[in-house]
Amino acid sequence: MLPYNINKVVVWLKRMKYVKGFGIQSPSAFAFANDVINDHRKYGEYDLLQKGGKQVGGVTEKKARLMFRLSRFHKADAVWFYSQAIGCYEEYIQKGWETTLIKELKAPFSDLKDGAEARNIYYISVENDYEKTYEALRKVVNTNSFLVVDNIYRNAETRAFWQQIVADERVSFSFDLYYLGIAFFDKRPKQNYIINF
């Protein structure tokens, strides 16, 4: 496995043609790509979190900052994690939108009820029974909620899992960020975008 800095350059070069939302035709998808995914502003909360002991680096920091921006953008009621909440993400999420609750998805998923108006973010780590988790989730997720899938390029199995999500008839927009995938379940026309994150 390549060190993060070398891998980052390799991934960036492979995806260079997808910089700044190039090729995205939908205004809402373009705005999401530029204003949330590729938002490079220096938020004051980032410094507060770093000073507060949340020292993260590399890809973990990129993901944590994205979770901050997703929380801020979506004003989520809750972020549900499977298979476990990721400690450093929790504070970033709550700095993004202070009322967001952090919850864990656990089998048999009896507490998983996405009301018609709920604004949730679901975060699936590709560990253990992630496919069963997605099957349970796709039955209850509403159009106000979306899914984040971690490590979609870890191996052939996780790449196939991500392609299964992209092909799901309930998924409209999906964003392939290499390190993460984001899928929306609203009524927009189906489209998958590759973003140089």
Protein backbone atom coordinates (compact mmCIF):
# COMPACT_ATOMS: atom_id res chain seq x y z
CA MET A 1 0.00 0.00 0.00
CA LEU A 2 1.31 3.42 -0.93
CA PRO A 3 1.85 6.07 1.74
CA TYR A 4 -1.05 8.54 1.86
CA ASN A 5 0.78 11.45 0.19
CA ILE A 6 1.93 9.35 -2.78
CA ASN A 7 -1.45 7.64 -3.10
CA LYS A 8 -3.17 11.04 -2.94
CA VAL A 9 -1.13 12.29 -5.91
CA VAL A 10 -1.78 9.12 -7.93
CA VAL A 11 -5.54 9.28 -7.29
CA TRP A 12 -5.63 13.01 -8.06
CA LEU A 13 -3.78 12.54 -11.36
CA LYS A 14 -6.09 9.70 -12.42
CA ARG A 15 -9.13 11.88 -11.70
CA MET A 16 -7.72 15.19 -12.93
CA LYS A 17 -10.39 15.55 -15.61
CA TYR A 18 -13.07 15.57 -12.88
CA VAL A 19 -11.80 18.69 -11.10
CA LYS A 20 -14.28 21.42 -10.09
CA GLY A 21 -17.35 19.50 -11.22
CA PHE A 22 -16.34 19.41 -14.87
CA GLY A 23 -19.03 17.67 -16.92
CA ILE A 24 -21.84 17.99 -14.36
CA GLN A 25 -24.94 19.24 -16.20
CA SER A 26 -27.41 19.43 -13.31
CA PRO A 27 -27.34 22.78 -11.48
CA SER A 28 -28.14 21.17 -8.11
CA ALA A 29 -25.48 18.46 -8.53
CA PHE A 30 -22.94 21.07 -9.65
CA ALA A 31 -23.73 23.26 -6.63
CA PHE A 32 -23.39 20.25 -4.30
CA ALA A 33 -20.05 19.27 -5.87
CA ASN A 34 -18.61 22.79 -5.61
CA ASP A 35 -20.24 24.14 -2.46
CA VAL A 36 -20.03 21.01 -0.31
CA ILE A 37 -17.65 18.37 -1.66
CA ASN A 38 -14.96 20.68 -3.02
CA ASP A 39 -15.46 23.56 -0.60
CA HIS A 40 -11.92 24.58 0.33
CA ARG A 41 -12.80 27.47 2.61
CA LYS A 42 -11.04 27.61 5.96
CA TYR A 43 -13.84 27.28 8.48
CA GLY A 44 -12.96 28.54 11.96
CA GLU A 45 -14.40 25.33 13.40
CA TYR A 46 -11.57 23.35 11.79
CA ASP A 47 -9.01 25.24 13.88
CA LEU A 48 -11.10 24.88 17.04
CA LEU A 49 -11.36 21.13 16.50
CA GLN A 50 -7.62 20.81 15.90
CA LYS A 51 -6.84 22.84 19.04
CA GLY A 52 -9.42 20.86 21.00
CA GLY A 53 -7.41 17.69 20.65
CA LYS A 54 -8.94 16.25 17.48
CA GLN A 55 -5.63 15.86 15.70
CA VAL A 56 -6.34 13.97 12.51
CA GLY A 57 -4.46 13.97 9.26
CA GLY A 58 -4.40 12.65 5.75
CA VAL A 59 -7.51 11.07 4.33
CA THR A 60 -9.18 10.90 7.78
CA GLU A 61 -9.01 14.69 8.02
CA LYS A 62 -10.46 15.08 4.50
CA LYS A 63 -13.35 12.78 5.39
CA ALA A 64 -13.95 14.46 8.76
CA ARG A 65 -14.07 17.90 7.14
CA LEU A 66 -16.43 16.59 4.48
CA MET A 67 -18.71 15.22 7.21
CA PHE A 68 -18.66 18.71 8.79
CA ARG A 69 -19.72 20.25 5.47
CA LEU A 70 -22.36 17.56 4.83
CA SER A 71 -23.84 18.15 8.27
CA ARG A 72 -23.82 21.91 7.73
CA PHE A 73 -25.34 21.59 4.24
CA HIS A 74 -28.02 19.06 5.13
CA LYS A 75 -28.91 20.29 8.65
CA ALA A 76 -29.34 16.63 9.51
CA ASP A 77 -31.55 15.37 12.31
CA ALA A 78 -29.18 12.45 12.79
CA VAL A 79 -26.12 10.78 11.33
CA TRP A 80 -26.39 7.00 11.60
CA PHE A 81 -23.13 5.02 11.54
CA TYR A 82 -22.65 1.37 10.63
CA SER A 83 -20.75 -0.50 11.99
CA GLN A 84 -19.54 1.98 14.57
CA ALA A 85 -19.46 5.72 15.08
CA ILE A 86 -16.12 7.15 14.11
CA GLY A 87 -14.96 9.23 17.04
CA CYS A 88 -13.17 12.03 15.23
CA TYR A 89 -16.12 12.51 12.85
CA GLU A 90 -18.61 13.03 15.66
CA GLU A 91 -17.26 16.40 16.77
CA TYR A 92 -16.87 17.59 13.18
CA ILE A 93 -20.49 16.65 12.45
CA GLN A 94 -21.80 18.41 15.54
CA LYS A 95 -19.77 21.53 14.82
CA GLY A 96 -21.35 21.52 11.36
CA TRP A 97 -24.89 21.41 12.76
CA GLU A 98 -25.14 21.40 16.55
CA THR A 99 -28.51 19.66 16.88
CA THR A 100 -27.47 16.64 14.79
CA LEU A 101 -27.63 13.41 16.79
CA ILE A 102 -25.04 10.67 16.35
CA LYS A 103 -26.52 7.16 16.30
CA GLU A 104 -25.29 3.66 15.55
CA LEU A 105 -27.03 1.22 13.22
CA LYS A 106 -27.13 -2.25 14.71
CA ALA A 107 -28.77 -5.47 13.55
CA PRO A 108 -31.65 -6.33 13.49
CA PHE A 109 -32.22 -2.64 12.62
CA SER A 110 -35.53 -2.45 14.51
CA ASP A 111 -34.80 1.17 15.48
CA LEU A 112 -34.32 2.13 11.84
CA LYS A 113 -37.40 4.12 10.93
CA ASP A 114 -36.90 7.04 8.58
CA GLY A 115 -40.02 9.18 8.89
CA ALA A 116 -41.29 10.98 5.81
CA GLU A 117 -39.74 14.28 6.92
CA ALA A 118 -36.58 13.00 8.66
CA ARG A 119 -33.32 14.50 7.40
CA ASN A 120 -30.76 11.79 8.05
CA ILE A 121 -27.31 10.92 6.80
CA TYR A 122 -26.39 7.23 6.81
CA TYR A 123 -22.70 6.32 6.93
CA ILE A 124 -21.79 2.73 6.09
CA SER A 125 -18.28 1.39 6.66
CA VAL A 126 -17.61 -1.57 4.38
CA GLU A 127 -17.05 -4.05 7.20
CA ASN A 128 -18.88 -7.20 8.27
CA ASP A 129 -22.51 -7.26 7.09
CA TYR A 130 -22.56 -3.98 5.19
CA GLU A 131 -24.62 -5.47 2.33
CA LYS A 132 -27.39 -6.57 4.74
CA THR A 133 -27.27 -3.13 6.31
CA TYR A 134 -27.80 -1.48 2.94
CA GLU A 135 -30.71 -3.81 2.14
CA ALA A 136 -32.42 -2.86 5.43
CA LEU A 137 -31.64 0.81 4.90
CA ARG A 138 -32.86 1.09 1.31
CA LYS A 139 -36.34 -0.02 2.42
CA VAL A 140 -36.81 2.88 4.84
CA VAL A 141 -34.69 5.77 3.56
CA ASN A 142 -36.70 8.77 2.39
CA THR A 143 -36.05 11.46 -0.21
CA ASN A 144 -34.71 13.88 2.44
CA SER A 145 -31.91 11.54 3.50
CA PHE A 146 -28.77 10.28 1.82
CA LEU A 147 -26.08 7.64 2.16
CA VAL A 148 -22.30 7.90 2.55
CA VAL A 149 -20.30 4.72 1.90
CA ASP A 150 -16.71 4.56 3.14
CA ASN A 151 -13.79 2.96 1.25
CA ILE A 152 -15.64 2.20 -1.97
CA TYR A 153 -12.36 1.30 -3.71
CA ARG A 154 -10.88 -0.86 -0.94
CA ASN A 155 -11.11 -4.05 -3.03
CA ALA A 156 -13.10 -5.66 -5.86
CA GLU A 157 -15.93 -6.60 -3.50
CA THR A 158 -16.43 -3.04 -2.23
CA ARG A 159 -16.23 -1.64 -5.77
CA ALA A 160 -18.97 -4.09 -6.82
CA PHE A 161 -21.04 -3.08 -3.78
CA TRP A 162 -20.75 0.60 -4.74
CA GLN A 163 -21.80 -0.20 -8.33
CA GLN A 164 -24.82 -2.06 -6.93
CA ILE A 165 -25.82 1.08 -5.02
CA VAL A 166 -25.32 3.29 -8.10
CA ALA A 167 -27.53 0.90 -10.12
CA ASP A 168 -30.28 0.78 -7.46
CA GLU A 169 -33.53 2.14 -8.93
CA ARG A 170 -34.14 4.25 -5.79
CA VAL A 171 -30.81 6.09 -6.14
CA SER A 172 -30.89 9.28 -8.18
CA PHE A 173 -27.61 11.18 -7.93
CA SER A 174 -24.46 9.45 -6.76
CA PHE A 175 -21.00 10.90 -6.29
CA ASP A 176 -17.86 8.76 -6.49
CA LEU A 177 -15.14 10.52 -4.45
CA TYR A 178 -12.76 7.51 -4.50
CA TYR A 179 -12.43 7.48 -0.70
CA LEU A 180 -16.20 7.74 -0.23
CA GLY A 181 -19.40 7.42 -2.20
CA ILE A 182 -22.50 9.55 -1.65
CA ALA A 183 -25.94 8.44 -2.88
CA PHE A 184 -29.20 10.40 -2.88
CA PHE A 185 -32.65 8.81 -2.92
CA ASP A 186 -34.73 11.69 -4.26
CA LYS A 187 -36.69 12.05 -7.51
CA ARG A 188 -34.01 13.65 -9.71
CA PRO A 189 -32.92 11.84 -12.90
CA LYS A 190 -30.36 9.10 -12.29
CA GLN A 191 -26.74 10.16 -12.73
CA ASN A 192 -23.38 9.06 -11.28
CA TYR A 193 -20.63 11.65 -11.01
CA ILE A 194 -16.93 11.09 -10.45
CA ILE A 195 -15.40 13.89 -8.38
CA ASN A 196 -11.73 14.59 -7.80
CA PHE A 197 -11.97 14.96 -4.00
